[in-house]
Amino acid sequence: MSTTVPATGRAAAPSTPPPPRPRGGLLARAAALGAAALMVLTAAPAAAETAAPAAPAMAPTNVAVHDPALVTGGGRDWYVFGTGDAAVADGNITVHRSSNGTDWRPAGHVWTTKPAWLAREVPGVTNLWAPEVYENDGTYYLYYSASTFGSNRSVIGLATNTTLDPSDPDYRWVDRGKVYESTTSSDFNAIDPGIVEDASGTPWMAFGSFWSGIRMVRLEWPSGKPAAGQGAPLRLAAGQPNGNAIEAPYIVHRAGYYYLFVSLGRCCAGLDSTYRIAVGRSTSVTGPYVDRAGTPMLQGGGTVIRAARGDSVAAGGQSLSLSRMAYHSYGPYGTPGDFRLEIDQIGWSGGWPAPMG
């Protein structure tokens, strides 16, 4: 089993699966979605599903961001948060900023030093992975993963801020500690958090990578942490080959359905990566989710909507904000196997998402 984490952040499946389930690890996705973005996706009329948005697809960027958590501008600056590089700023979550969603510039890191409690919870942790940014009642909640490559001794942590603008005098990410954890005796991996509110405003956190697949717990505001009185995390998706290679859940509520986006296949292997983005939907936030062919996502279902294309050999680690989907791809961009940020316009056809371009 590998004990190192690449600067890209996702954990890979260990070479020897421990019982009771095949294992893997990861670090993937993220997702960043402000409340305004969620409202647009949720409130979109059903009629809009039959036609793609008029805006063109966005071109790939030349920015290296892994597991991007996107917050679209909505008339203001755009932000994208990503997995940290172990060699820079103590491996903390990266921040990039753009005035138009195309031209990105570095905007620092969430912290310059990781919170000390992370090393106690996850010995050997070097960098933080797969952020998710969600806004509720004027507070930005930044969820992130702390783990080591190929292990499910993992923690999902939380930081909060009242602004995303680093030039604002009130800009400060406050450490809120642990949200959820898994241990080596768990049948799941507590990484890759993704937040969604259901129709009643109740927040939920989907997460997971390999092991038993995608799981879910109910949260509560304003803490952003799990609500009391829950048992084992709910099961949303599993049954994939190669050690249940599924991770990076991201859920969007739109026109009466909840859409579960996941990354399938192998991450973080450069030109040997097989990552691809798939989706299923349900009328309930807790499932059951099925793909376009009707196959349950708990039984290996998932309609692939983005995979290898052109020079890119893989795509995954996705998040959605307004009508955009951000993800990272691998290809011969500089050094063969490098990764980069890509952002697609999302259209809808027959009740299903369809990336443009």
Protein backbone atom coordinates (compact mmCIF):
# COMPACT_ATOMS: atom_id res chain seq x y z
CA MET A 1 0.00 0.00 0.00
CA SER A 2 1.33 3.39 -0.89
CA THR A 3 1.89 5.68 2.07
CA THR A 4 2.61 8.86 0.14
CA VAL A 5 0.19 11.39 -1.23
CA PRO A 6 0.92 12.94 -4.60
CA ALA A 7 0.79 16.71 -4.88
CA THR A 8 -2.36 16.21 -6.95
CA GLY A 9 -4.18 14.89 -3.92
CA ARG A 10 -6.28 11.81 -4.76
CA ALA A 11 -5.55 8.57 -3.07
CA ALA A 12 -5.23 5.42 -5.09
CA ALA A 13 -6.49 1.93 -4.39
CA PRO A 14 -4.08 -0.05 -2.25
CA SER A 15 -2.47 -3.09 -3.80
CA THR A 16 -3.89 -5.56 -1.25
CA PRO A 17 -7.58 -5.06 -0.40
CA PRO A 18 -8.31 -5.67 3.29
CA PRO A 19 -11.53 -7.38 4.34
CA PRO A 20 -14.44 -7.05 4.29
CA ARG A 21 -14.54 -5.05 1.04
CA PRO A 22 -12.21 -4.25 -1.86
CA ARG A 23 -10.48 -1.02 -1.11
CA GLY A 24 -9.15 2.00 -2.64
CA GLY A 25 -8.55 5.47 -1.69
CA LEU A 26 -8.84 8.74 -3.27
CA LEU A 27 -9.21 12.27 -2.82
CA ALA A 28 -11.37 13.76 -5.42
CA ARG A 29 -13.76 16.30 -6.00
CA ALA A 30 -15.02 18.90 -4.69
CA ALA A 31 -17.50 21.09 -5.35
CA ALA A 32 -18.24 24.57 -4.68
CA LEU A 33 -21.63 26.02 -4.82
CA GLY A 34 -22.93 29.17 -3.23
CA ALA A 35 -26.54 29.43 -2.16
CA ALA A 36 -27.30 31.61 -5.16
CA ALA A 37 -25.91 28.96 -7.47
CA LEU A 38 -28.01 26.29 -5.80
CA MET A 39 -31.14 28.43 -6.12
CA VAL A 40 -30.60 28.85 -9.84
CA LEU A 41 -30.10 25.13 -10.35
CA THR A 42 -33.02 24.23 -8.12
CA ALA A 43 -35.46 26.77 -9.46
CA ALA A 44 -34.79 26.22 -13.15
CA PRO A 45 -38.13 25.55 -14.88
CA ALA A 46 -38.76 22.09 -16.28
CA ALA A 47 -39.12 23.53 -19.78
CA ALA A 48 -35.48 24.57 -19.70
CA GLU A 49 -34.45 20.90 -19.65
CA THR A 50 -35.28 20.48 -23.30
CA ALA A 51 -32.81 23.06 -24.57
CA ALA A 52 -29.15 23.73 -23.85
CA PRO A 53 -28.12 27.20 -22.61
CA ALA A 54 -27.17 29.66 -25.30
CA ALA A 55 -23.77 30.41 -23.79
CA PRO A 56 -20.86 28.59 -25.45
CA ALA A 57 -18.74 25.97 -23.80
CA MET A 58 -15.70 27.33 -22.00
CA ALA A 59 -12.23 26.46 -23.22
CA PRO A 60 -9.80 24.48 -21.06
CA THR A 61 -7.62 26.64 -18.84
CA ASN A 62 -3.86 26.53 -18.41
CA VAL A 63 -4.20 26.50 -14.63
CA ALA A 64 -3.22 23.43 -12.63
CA VAL A 65 -6.06 22.89 -10.15
CA HIS A 66 -6.88 19.39 -8.90
CA ASP A 67 -10.36 18.56 -7.55
CA PRO A 68 -11.71 22.04 -8.27
CA ALA A 69 -14.46 23.51 -6.12
CA LEU A 70 -16.02 26.20 -8.28
CA VAL A 71 -17.91 29.32 -7.24
CA THR A 72 -19.10 31.17 -10.35
CA GLY A 73 -19.16 34.91 -10.39
CA GLY A 74 -22.81 35.86 -10.74
CA GLY A 75 -21.68 39.40 -11.59
CA ARG A 76 -18.71 39.25 -9.22
CA ASP A 77 -15.37 37.46 -9.24
CA TRP A 78 -15.16 33.72 -9.72
CA TYR A 79 -13.23 31.49 -7.32
CA VAL A 80 -11.92 27.95 -7.53
CA PHE A 81 -10.48 26.02 -4.61
CA GLY A 82 -8.29 22.96 -5.09
CA THR A 83 -6.20 20.22 -3.51
CA GLY A 84 -3.03 21.49 -1.90
CA ASP A 85 0.54 20.78 -2.97
CA ALA A 86 2.51 19.16 -0.14
CA ALA A 87 5.56 21.26 -1.08
CA VAL A 88 3.76 24.62 -0.90
CA ALA A 89 2.07 26.38 2.05
CA ASP A 90 2.15 23.20 4.15
CA GLY A 91 -0.13 21.45 1.68
CA ASN A 92 -3.11 23.70 2.32
CA ILE A 93 -6.08 24.19 -0.01
CA THR A 94 -5.26 26.45 -2.97
CA VAL A 95 -7.35 29.42 -4.08
CA HIS A 96 -7.56 30.94 -7.58
CA ARG A 97 -9.57 33.97 -8.65
CA SER A 98 -10.94 35.22 -11.98
CA SER A 99 -12.99 38.16 -13.19
CA ASN A 100 -14.47 36.20 -16.11
CA GLY A 101 -14.07 32.46 -15.46
CA THR A 102 -11.35 32.16 -18.09
CA ASP A 103 -8.30 34.11 -16.91
CA TRP A 104 -7.26 32.79 -13.49
CA ARG A 105 -4.66 34.06 -11.07
CA PRO A 106 -3.44 32.62 -7.75
CA ALA A 107 -5.14 34.03 -4.66
CA GLY A 108 -3.15 32.28 -1.96
CA HIS A 109 -4.11 29.40 0.30
CA VAL A 110 -6.75 28.89 2.94
CA TRP A 111 -4.01 28.68 5.58
CA THR A 112 -0.22 28.75 5.58
CA THR A 113 -0.03 26.05 8.26
CA LYS A 114 -2.40 23.12 8.66
CA PRO A 115 -4.34 22.91 11.95
CA ALA A 116 -2.31 20.84 14.43
CA TRP A 117 -5.18 18.47 15.22
CA LEU A 118 -5.05 17.02 11.69
CA ALA A 119 -1.67 15.35 12.28
CA ARG A 120 -3.03 13.73 15.43
CA GLU A 121 -6.12 12.44 13.65
CA VAL A 122 -4.31 11.35 10.47
CA PRO A 123 -0.61 10.65 11.09
CA GLY A 124 1.44 11.31 7.99
CA VAL A 125 -1.00 13.71 6.34
CA THR A 126 0.93 16.04 4.04
CA ASN A 127 -1.67 17.95 2.01
CA LEU A 128 -5.38 18.67 2.14
CA TRP A 129 -7.63 17.33 -0.62
CA ALA A 130 -10.83 17.81 -2.50
CA PRO A 131 -12.45 20.96 -1.07
CA GLU A 132 -16.13 21.90 -1.22
CA VAL A 133 -17.43 25.43 -0.67
CA TYR A 134 -21.06 26.07 0.26
CA GLU A 135 -22.74 29.29 1.37
CA ASN A 136 -25.52 29.43 3.95
CA ASP A 137 -26.95 32.55 5.54
CA GLY A 138 -23.92 34.70 4.77
CA THR A 139 -21.31 32.17 5.88
CA TYR A 140 -19.06 30.22 3.52
CA TYR A 141 -18.44 26.66 4.67
CA LEU A 142 -15.26 25.09 3.29
CA TYR A 143 -15.11 21.31 3.72
CA TYR A 144 -11.91 19.43 2.92
CA SER A 145 -10.33 15.98 3.23
CA ALA A 146 -7.29 14.89 5.23
CA SER A 147 -5.96 11.40 4.51
CA THR A 148 -2.95 9.49 3.20
CA PHE A 149 -2.61 7.69 -0.10
CA GLY A 150 -4.39 4.33 -0.15
CA SER A 151 -5.75 4.54 3.41
CA ASN A 152 -9.21 5.12 4.83
CA ARG A 153 -7.95 6.58 8.08
CA SER A 154 -9.42 9.88 6.98
CA VAL A 155 -11.09 13.02 8.26
CA ILE A 156 -13.39 15.61 6.71
CA GLY A 157 -12.66 19.01 8.23
CA LEU A 158 -14.38 22.38 8.10
CA ALA A 159 -13.41 26.04 7.95
CA THR A 160 -15.72 29.06 7.69
CA ASN A 161 -15.45 32.61 6.39
CA THR A 162 -17.78 35.55 5.85
CA THR A 163 -16.24 36.47 2.48
CA LEU A 164 -14.32 34.85 -0.37
CA ASP A 165 -12.48 38.06 -1.23
CA PRO A 166 -8.89 37.91 0.10
CA SER A 167 -8.68 41.72 -0.05
CA ASP A 168 -11.62 42.11 2.34
CA PRO A 169 -10.43 43.08 5.84
CA ASP A 170 -12.80 40.47 7.28
CA TYR A 171 -11.28 37.66 5.20
CA ARG A 172 -10.23 34.86 7.55
CA TRP A 173 -10.77 31.11 7.39
CA VAL A 174 -11.69 29.93 10.88
CA ASP A 175 -10.89 26.32 11.74
CA ARG A 176 -14.07 24.53 12.86
CA GLY A 177 -12.49 21.16 13.42
CA LYS A 178 -13.66 17.69 12.47
CA VAL A 179 -16.92 16.98 10.67
CA TYR A 180 -16.69 13.25 10.02
CA GLU A 181 -14.09 10.50 10.10
CA SER A 182 -13.36 6.96 9.04
CA THR A 183 -10.87 4.52 10.54
CA THR A 184 -9.09 1.48 9.20
CA SER A 185 -11.96 -0.62 10.58
CA SER A 186 -14.60 1.41 8.69
CA ASP A 187 -16.15 0.10 5.47
CA PHE A 188 -16.09 3.60 3.95
CA ASN A 189 -13.62 6.42 3.34
CA ALA A 190 -14.44 9.85 4.77
CA ILE A 191 -13.12 12.06 1.97
CA ASP A 192 -14.54 14.02 -0.98
CA PRO A 193 -17.34 15.91 0.76
CA GLY A 194 -20.15 17.41 -1.28
CA ILE A 195 -23.00 19.45 0.24
CA VAL A 196 -26.61 19.78 -0.93
CA GLU A 197 -29.81 21.09 0.65
CA ASP A 198 -33.04 19.21 0.04
CA ALA A 199 -36.36 20.85 -0.85
CA SER A 200 -37.06 21.57 2.82
CA GLY A 201 -33.67 23.26 3.35
CA THR A 202 -32.08 20.39 5.25
CA PRO A 203 -28.36 20.07 4.44
CA TRP A 204 -26.76 16.73 3.55
CA MET A 205 -23.17 15.70 2.97
CA ALA A 206 -22.30 13.03 0.41
CA PHE A 207 -18.78 11.62 0.54
CA GLY A 208 -16.73 8.55 -0.22
CA SER A 209 -14.12 6.84 -2.31
CA PHE A 210 -13.70 3.14 -3.14
CA TRP A 211 -14.45 0.89 -0.13
CA SER A 212 -18.26 0.74 0.10
CA GLY A 213 -18.70 3.65 -2.30
CA ILE A 214 -20.65 6.86 -1.90
CA ARG A 215 -22.24 7.48 1.49
CA MET A 216 -24.29 10.30 3.01
CA VAL A 217 -25.07 11.92 6.36
CA ARG A 218 -27.51 14.64 7.37
CA LEU A 219 -26.05 17.94 8.58
CA GLU A 220 -27.51 20.86 10.47
CA TRP A 221 -27.05 24.62 10.26
CA PRO A 222 -25.41 26.73 11.50
CA SER A 223 -22.71 24.31 12.70
CA GLY A 224 -22.39 22.61 9.30
CA LYS A 225 -21.78 19.34 11.15
CA PRO A 226 -23.76 16.08 11.39
CA ALA A 227 -27.20 16.24 12.99
CA ALA A 228 -27.70 14.12 16.09
CA GLY A 229 -29.46 10.78 16.13
CA GLN A 230 -28.09 9.15 12.97
CA GLY A 231 -26.84 5.64 12.47
CA ALA A 232 -24.42 4.44 9.81
CA PRO A 233 -24.08 6.74 6.80
CA LEU A 234 -26.61 6.11 4.04
CA ARG A 235 -25.53 4.30 0.86
CA LEU A 236 -25.92 6.10 -2.47
CA ALA A 237 -23.68 4.44 -5.09
CA ALA A 238 -21.37 1.43 -5.39
CA GLY A 239 -20.81 -1.71 -7.44
CA GLN A 240 -18.05 -0.39 -9.70
CA PRO A 241 -15.19 -2.59 -10.97
CA ASN A 242 -11.53 -2.34 -9.93
CA GLY A 243 -12.15 -2.25 -6.21
CA ASN A 244 -15.31 -0.13 -6.42
CA ALA A 245 -13.56 2.76 -8.20
CA ILE A 246 -16.08 5.51 -7.50
CA GLU A 247 -15.62 8.78 -5.62
CA ALA A 248 -16.11 12.54 -5.62
CA PRO A 249 -19.88 12.80 -5.17
CA TYR A 250 -21.58 16.07 -6.03
CA ILE A 251 -25.37 16.53 -5.89
CA VAL A 252 -27.46 19.15 -7.66
CA HIS A 253 -31.19 19.68 -7.03
CA ARG A 254 -33.00 20.69 -10.21
CA ALA A 255 -36.58 20.57 -11.49
CA GLY A 256 -37.80 17.89 -9.09
CA TYR A 257 -34.73 15.65 -9.27
CA TYR A 258 -31.50 15.28 -7.36
CA TYR A 259 -28.57 14.59 -9.69
CA LEU A 260 -25.62 12.66 -8.26
CA PHE A 261 -22.39 13.33 -10.16
CA VAL A 262 -19.46 10.98 -9.45
CA SER A 263 -15.99 10.22 -10.74
CA LEU A 264 -15.38 6.66 -11.91
CA GLY A 265 -12.10 4.89 -12.61
CA ARG A 266 -8.51 5.65 -11.74
CA CYS A 267 -7.32 9.04 -10.58
CA CYS A 268 -3.85 10.51 -10.17
CA ALA A 269 -1.98 8.22 -12.55
CA GLY A 270 -0.99 10.76 -15.18
CA LEU A 271 -1.49 9.45 -18.69
CA ASP A 272 -2.61 6.12 -17.25
CA SER A 273 -5.57 7.75 -15.49
CA THR A 274 -9.04 6.49 -16.49
CA TYR A 275 -11.19 9.03 -14.65
CA ARG A 276 -14.59 9.83 -16.15
CA ILE A 277 -17.60 11.76 -14.87
CA ALA A 278 -20.93 9.94 -14.54
CA VAL A 279 -24.38 10.86 -13.24
CA GLY A 280 -27.61 9.38 -11.94
CA ARG A 281 -30.75 10.94 -10.52
CA SER A 282 -33.46 10.43 -7.90
CA THR A 283 -36.60 12.18 -6.73
CA SER A 284 -35.25 11.94 -3.16
CA VAL A 285 -31.94 13.34 -1.94
CA THR A 286 -31.23 10.04 -0.17
CA GLY A 287 -31.91 7.95 -3.31
CA PRO A 288 -32.30 5.50 -4.84
CA TYR A 289 -30.30 6.95 -7.74
CA VAL A 290 -30.51 5.43 -11.22
CA ASP A 291 -28.72 6.26 -14.43
CA ARG A 292 -30.31 7.15 -17.77
CA ALA A 293 -30.73 3.45 -18.63
CA GLY A 294 -32.47 2.80 -15.31
CA THR A 295 -29.55 0.94 -13.70
CA PRO A 296 -29.33 1.62 -9.95
CA MET A 297 -26.16 3.43 -8.96
CA LEU A 298 -25.85 1.03 -6.02
CA GLN A 299 -25.49 -1.71 -8.62
CA GLY A 300 -22.80 -0.17 -10.79
CA GLY A 301 -24.95 2.34 -12.66
CA GLY A 302 -23.84 5.75 -13.86
CA THR A 303 -24.27 7.52 -17.21
CA VAL A 304 -20.89 8.84 -18.35
CA ILE A 305 -21.07 12.47 -19.49
CA ARG A 306 -17.39 13.41 -19.71
CA ALA A 307 -14.31 11.24 -20.28
CA ALA A 308 -11.19 11.21 -22.45
CA ARG A 309 -11.31 13.63 -25.40
CA GLY A 310 -8.66 15.25 -27.55
CA ASP A 311 -5.36 15.35 -25.68
CA SER A 312 -7.10 14.71 -22.35
CA VAL A 313 -6.97 11.08 -21.23
CA ALA A 314 -9.30 11.43 -18.23
CA ALA A 315 -11.66 13.84 -16.48
CA GLY A 316 -12.98 13.91 -12.91
CA GLY A 317 -13.03 15.56 -9.50
CA GLN A 318 -16.01 17.65 -10.58
CA SER A 319 -18.11 20.38 -8.99
CA LEU A 320 -20.98 22.48 -10.35
CA SER A 321 -21.92 26.10 -9.87
CA LEU A 322 -24.74 27.78 -11.76
CA SER A 323 -24.54 26.36 -15.30
CA ARG A 324 -20.85 25.43 -15.13
CA MET A 325 -19.07 22.20 -14.30
CA ALA A 326 -15.44 22.38 -13.20
CA TYR A 327 -13.16 19.35 -13.16
CA HIS A 328 -9.54 18.40 -13.75
CA SER A 329 -8.19 16.48 -16.70
CA TYR A 330 -4.89 14.73 -17.39
CA GLY A 331 -2.90 14.99 -20.59
CA PRO A 332 0.41 15.89 -22.25
CA TYR A 333 0.00 19.55 -21.37
CA GLY A 334 3.58 20.35 -20.37
CA THR A 335 5.05 17.36 -18.70
CA PRO A 336 3.10 14.30 -19.91
CA GLY A 337 0.50 13.41 -17.31
CA ASP A 338 0.06 16.93 -15.97
CA PHE A 339 -3.39 17.98 -14.81
CA ARG A 340 -5.30 21.18 -15.51
CA LEU A 341 -8.56 22.90 -14.65
CA GLU A 342 -11.38 22.65 -17.17
CA ILE A 343 -14.79 24.32 -17.02
CA ASP A 344 -17.73 23.25 -19.19
CA GLN A 345 -21.06 24.86 -19.86
CA ILE A 346 -23.82 22.42 -18.85
CA GLY A 347 -26.92 22.00 -20.99
CA TRP A 348 -29.96 19.87 -20.15
CA SER A 349 -31.79 17.52 -22.50
CA GLY A 350 -34.68 15.25 -21.55
CA GLY A 351 -34.04 15.81 -17.87
CA TRP A 352 -30.33 14.94 -18.03
CA PRO A 353 -27.16 17.07 -17.99
CA ALA A 354 -25.07 17.34 -21.15
CA PRO A 355 -21.70 19.16 -21.08
CA MET A 356 -21.20 21.37 -24.13
CA GLY A 357 -18.06 21.42 -26.19
